[in-house]
Every structure is written in structure tokens, then in C-alpha cells.
Protein backbone atom coordinates (compact mmCIF):
# COMPACT_ATOMS: atom_id res chain seq x y z
CA MET A 1 -14.26 14.21 -5.45
CA ALA A 2 -11.55 15.29 -2.99
CA THR A 3 -8.72 12.85 -2.29
CA THR A 4 -7.57 11.97 1.14
CA ASP A 5 -4.50 13.67 2.53
CA TYR A 6 -2.20 10.76 3.33
CA GLY A 7 0.56 13.11 4.55
CA LEU A 8 3.14 12.08 1.90
CA THR A 9 5.68 14.87 2.00
CA ILE A 10 9.24 14.94 0.68
CA ALA A 11 10.54 14.02 4.20
CA VAL A 12 8.17 11.02 4.44
CA MET A 13 9.11 9.86 0.95
CA GLN A 14 12.83 10.14 1.82
CA LYS A 15 12.25 7.79 4.77
CA LEU A 16 10.30 5.32 2.64
CA MET A 17 12.67 5.28 -0.35
CA ALA A 18 15.97 6.38 1.23
CA SER A 19 17.07 9.87 0.37
CA PRO A 20 19.63 9.04 -2.37
CA ARG A 21 17.03 6.95 -4.28
CA LEU A 22 14.43 9.73 -4.08
CA VAL A 23 16.97 12.24 -5.44
CA ASP A 24 17.95 9.77 -8.21
CA VAL A 25 14.38 9.39 -9.51
CA ILE A 26 13.19 13.01 -9.35
CA ASP A 27 16.34 15.07 -9.87
CA ASP A 28 15.90 15.89 -13.54
CA ASP A 29 18.75 18.42 -13.82
CA GLY A 30 21.24 16.16 -12.08
CA ASP A 31 22.64 18.71 -9.57
CA GLY A 32 22.02 16.53 -6.52
CA SER A 33 19.48 18.82 -4.92
CA LEU A 34 15.72 19.09 -5.37
CA SER A 35 14.25 22.25 -6.80
CA ALA A 36 10.67 23.29 -6.19
CA ASP A 37 9.64 21.90 -9.59
CA GLU A 38 11.23 18.54 -8.80
CA GLN A 39 9.53 18.41 -5.35
CA ALA A 40 6.26 19.15 -7.07
CA LEU A 41 6.66 15.85 -8.95
CA VAL A 42 5.83 14.29 -5.49
CA THR A 43 3.66 16.87 -3.73
CA ASP A 44 1.62 18.65 -6.42
CA THR A 45 -1.99 18.37 -5.35
CA SER A 46 -3.24 17.74 -8.86
CA THR A 47 -0.53 15.86 -10.81
CA GLY A 48 2.05 14.68 -8.22
CA ALA A 49 2.83 11.03 -7.61
CA ALA A 50 1.46 11.32 -4.03
CA TYR A 51 -1.88 12.56 -5.48
CA ARG A 52 -2.01 9.74 -8.03
CA ALA A 53 -1.20 7.07 -5.47
CA GLY A 54 -3.84 8.57 -3.09
CA SER A 55 -6.37 8.57 -5.90
CA VAL A 56 -5.81 4.88 -6.52
CA ALA A 57 -6.22 4.12 -2.84
CA ASP A 58 -9.36 6.24 -2.65
CA SER A 59 -10.88 4.44 -5.68
CA TYR A 60 -10.50 1.14 -3.84
CA LEU A 61 -11.60 2.47 -0.47
CA GLY A 62 -14.46 4.60 -1.80
CA GLN A 63 -16.49 1.48 -2.38
CA ARG A 64 -16.57 0.83 1.39
CA TYR A 65 -15.75 4.13 3.14
CA ALA A 66 -16.70 7.80 2.82
CA ILE A 67 -13.98 9.62 0.92
CA PRO A 68 -11.91 11.64 1.94
CA LEU A 69 -10.79 9.50 4.87
CA THR A 70 -10.43 11.47 8.14
CA GLY A 71 -8.73 11.25 11.45
CA THR A 72 -7.78 7.76 12.63
CA GLN A 73 -8.89 6.17 9.42
CA VAL A 74 -5.54 7.09 7.82
CA THR A 75 -3.55 4.48 9.71
CA PRO A 76 0.24 4.12 9.50
CA ALA A 77 -0.17 0.88 7.52
CA LEU A 78 -2.42 2.63 5.00
CA ARG A 79 -0.03 5.57 4.74
CA HIS A 80 2.83 3.15 4.22
CA HIS A 81 1.16 1.32 1.35
CA VAL A 82 0.11 4.58 -0.32
CA GLY A 83 3.66 5.80 0.04
CA MET A 84 5.12 2.64 -1.54
CA LEU A 85 2.69 3.02 -4.49
CA CYS A 86 3.85 6.59 -4.77
CA ALA A 87 7.55 5.38 -4.75
CA HIS A 88 6.76 2.99 -7.58
CA TYR A 89 5.23 5.78 -9.65
CA LEU A 90 8.28 7.94 -9.14
CA ALA A 91 10.69 5.13 -9.91
CA ARG A 92 8.88 4.37 -13.22
CA ARG A 93 10.20 7.72 -14.48
CA ARG A 94 13.65 6.28 -14.89
CA PRO A 95 13.90 3.39 -17.37
CA GLN A 96 17.56 2.78 -16.53
CA TYR A 97 16.62 1.37 -13.12
CA ARG A 98 14.25 -1.28 -14.48
CA ASP A 99 15.26 -4.94 -14.04
CA ALA A 100 15.70 -7.50 -16.78
CA GLU A 101 11.90 -8.11 -16.94
CA GLY A 102 11.22 -4.40 -17.43
CA ARG A 103 9.76 -3.89 -13.94
CA ALA A 104 10.48 -0.60 -12.21
CA PRO A 105 11.83 -0.47 -8.65
CA TYR A 106 9.21 -0.90 -5.87
CA ALA A 107 6.96 -2.92 -8.20
CA ALA A 108 6.58 -5.69 -5.61
CA GLU A 109 5.66 -3.14 -2.94
CA ALA A 110 3.12 -1.54 -5.31
CA ASP A 111 1.56 -4.98 -5.92
CA GLU A 112 1.41 -5.46 -2.12
CA ALA A 113 -0.22 -2.10 -1.74
CA LEU A 114 -2.91 -2.84 -4.31
CA ALA A 115 -3.56 -6.24 -2.58
CA TYR A 116 -3.89 -4.38 0.81
CA PHE A 117 -6.33 -1.91 -0.71
CA ALA A 118 -8.36 -4.84 -2.07
CA LEU A 119 -8.43 -6.38 1.37
CA LEU A 120 -9.72 -3.13 2.89
CA ARG A 121 -12.28 -2.78 0.10
CA ASP A 122 -13.63 -6.34 0.65
CA GLY A 123 -13.78 -5.87 4.40
CA ARG A 124 -11.24 -8.52 5.22
CA VAL A 125 -9.09 -5.98 7.03
CA ALA A 126 -10.66 -3.31 9.36
CA LEU A 127 -9.54 0.25 8.76
CA ASP A 128 -11.03 1.43 12.03
CA PRO A 129 -12.71 -0.24 14.99
CA ALA A 130 -16.11 1.03 13.92
CA ASP A 131 -15.96 -1.24 10.82
CA THR A 132 -17.97 -4.14 12.34
CA ASP A 133 -18.32 -6.16 9.14
CA ALA A 134 -14.50 -6.62 8.86
CA ALA A 135 -14.22 -7.34 12.56
CA ASP A 136 -16.95 -10.07 12.30
CA ALA A 137 -15.23 -11.60 9.35
CA SER A 138 -11.94 -11.95 11.20
CA ALA A 139 -13.65 -13.16 14.42
CA ASN A 140 -15.51 -15.97 12.49
CA ALA A 141 -12.36 -17.23 10.82
CA SER A 142 -11.80 -20.90 11.47
CA PRO A 143 -8.39 -22.12 12.75
CA TYR A 144 -8.67 -25.06 10.36
CA VAL A 145 -7.69 -25.27 6.70
CA THR A 146 -8.43 -28.12 4.38
CA HIS A 147 -5.70 -30.05 2.68
CA ALA A 148 -6.38 -31.14 -0.90
CA LYS A 149 -4.04 -34.15 -0.84
CA ARG A 150 -5.80 -35.40 2.31
CA ARG A 151 -9.29 -35.37 0.66
CA GLY A 152 -10.36 -32.22 2.60
CA GLU A 153 -9.21 -33.43 5.98
CA ARG A 154 -9.11 -30.62 8.48
CA VAL A 155 -5.59 -29.61 9.52
CA THR A 156 -4.79 -26.88 12.00
CA SER A 157 -3.26 -23.71 10.72
CA THR A 158 -0.40 -21.79 12.20
CA THR A 159 -2.77 -19.29 13.83
CA ASN A 160 -3.20 -21.75 16.73
CA PRO A 161 0.06 -23.64 17.19
CA TYR A 162 -1.20 -25.37 20.44
CA ARG A 163 -3.78 -27.45 18.54
CA THR A 164 -1.76 -29.74 16.36
CA ARG A 165 -2.55 -32.93 14.55
CA ARG A 166 -0.14 -35.61 13.51
CA TRP A 167 -0.02 -36.40 9.77
């Protein structure tokens, strides 16, 4: 199965991660510049971090969409989340950058990316306008939420600030 081309190049990853951080995590020889082998850690089409992040995204999206995604299906939001998952995979290479809990940099962004992929898979977010199931789900959402301490009383949500109810 072919993976989707999310367009994650070195230049795109430098914008997502900031150039010094990208060099820190993939510059193995420590000379401050990226050789072809070091760039391949990101861009290699069979083992690079961009390929692995794209494969994870495709595994989620393949349950709902035809893979590889084409054209307008690769939205900027989707590309951003795949890029942040890629950044996390790259940052895991350097244990010295982990926090006190042992989490690598960009771990929170990677968790957000996986949650976004799950929303796409479940149809809660539409990837393209042709996805009518997800559009119907968002159109049928109620502006009310229930409050457990109020015994299920309906309370307006912040999606409609003009309809308010006094507590």
C-alpha cells in the first residue's frame, strides 16, 4: 500500500520545528550542517520519519478514505499534524532532550495529531466537502450540553453565546 505524500521536506520541517532544533536532532556528526544521509532521516521514502508519520496517519485515515490521499484531501491542518508527529519521531532520537518524565519534545503535539487523526477516522471532522457523513454529524450537533451537578439540566454551550441561561 502506497502512503500519501504529505509534502514534508526539510524546508517544511525547518518551519515546523525551527531550524536550529531540526539540526540538533538529526545532525549526527555535529558539524552544524545537514549531509544527505542526515536529511534522509527525514525524507527517505521507506524509512524516514516523514514516511513513518505518514504511515501512521494513513493507518487511521485508511479506515474511512481511499489511500493514498490526493489533491485537496491533504489539507494544511492534516499536513501540520503529520509534520508534528514527524517532529516527535525525530526528537525521540536524542535522549538528552527528554523532560523529567522521559517524554521527548513534541510529545504533546504528537498526542494532538493522533487525536486529530482519530477525529478524521470517526467522521467527526470532515477532510473534504464531499464527506457528507462528517458534515451531517457537525450540522446535527446540539448547542446544549448537560451538567452533571444540575441533574442533567440543559445549559448552553459556548458555541452560541447569545443564548444564555442564568444559573
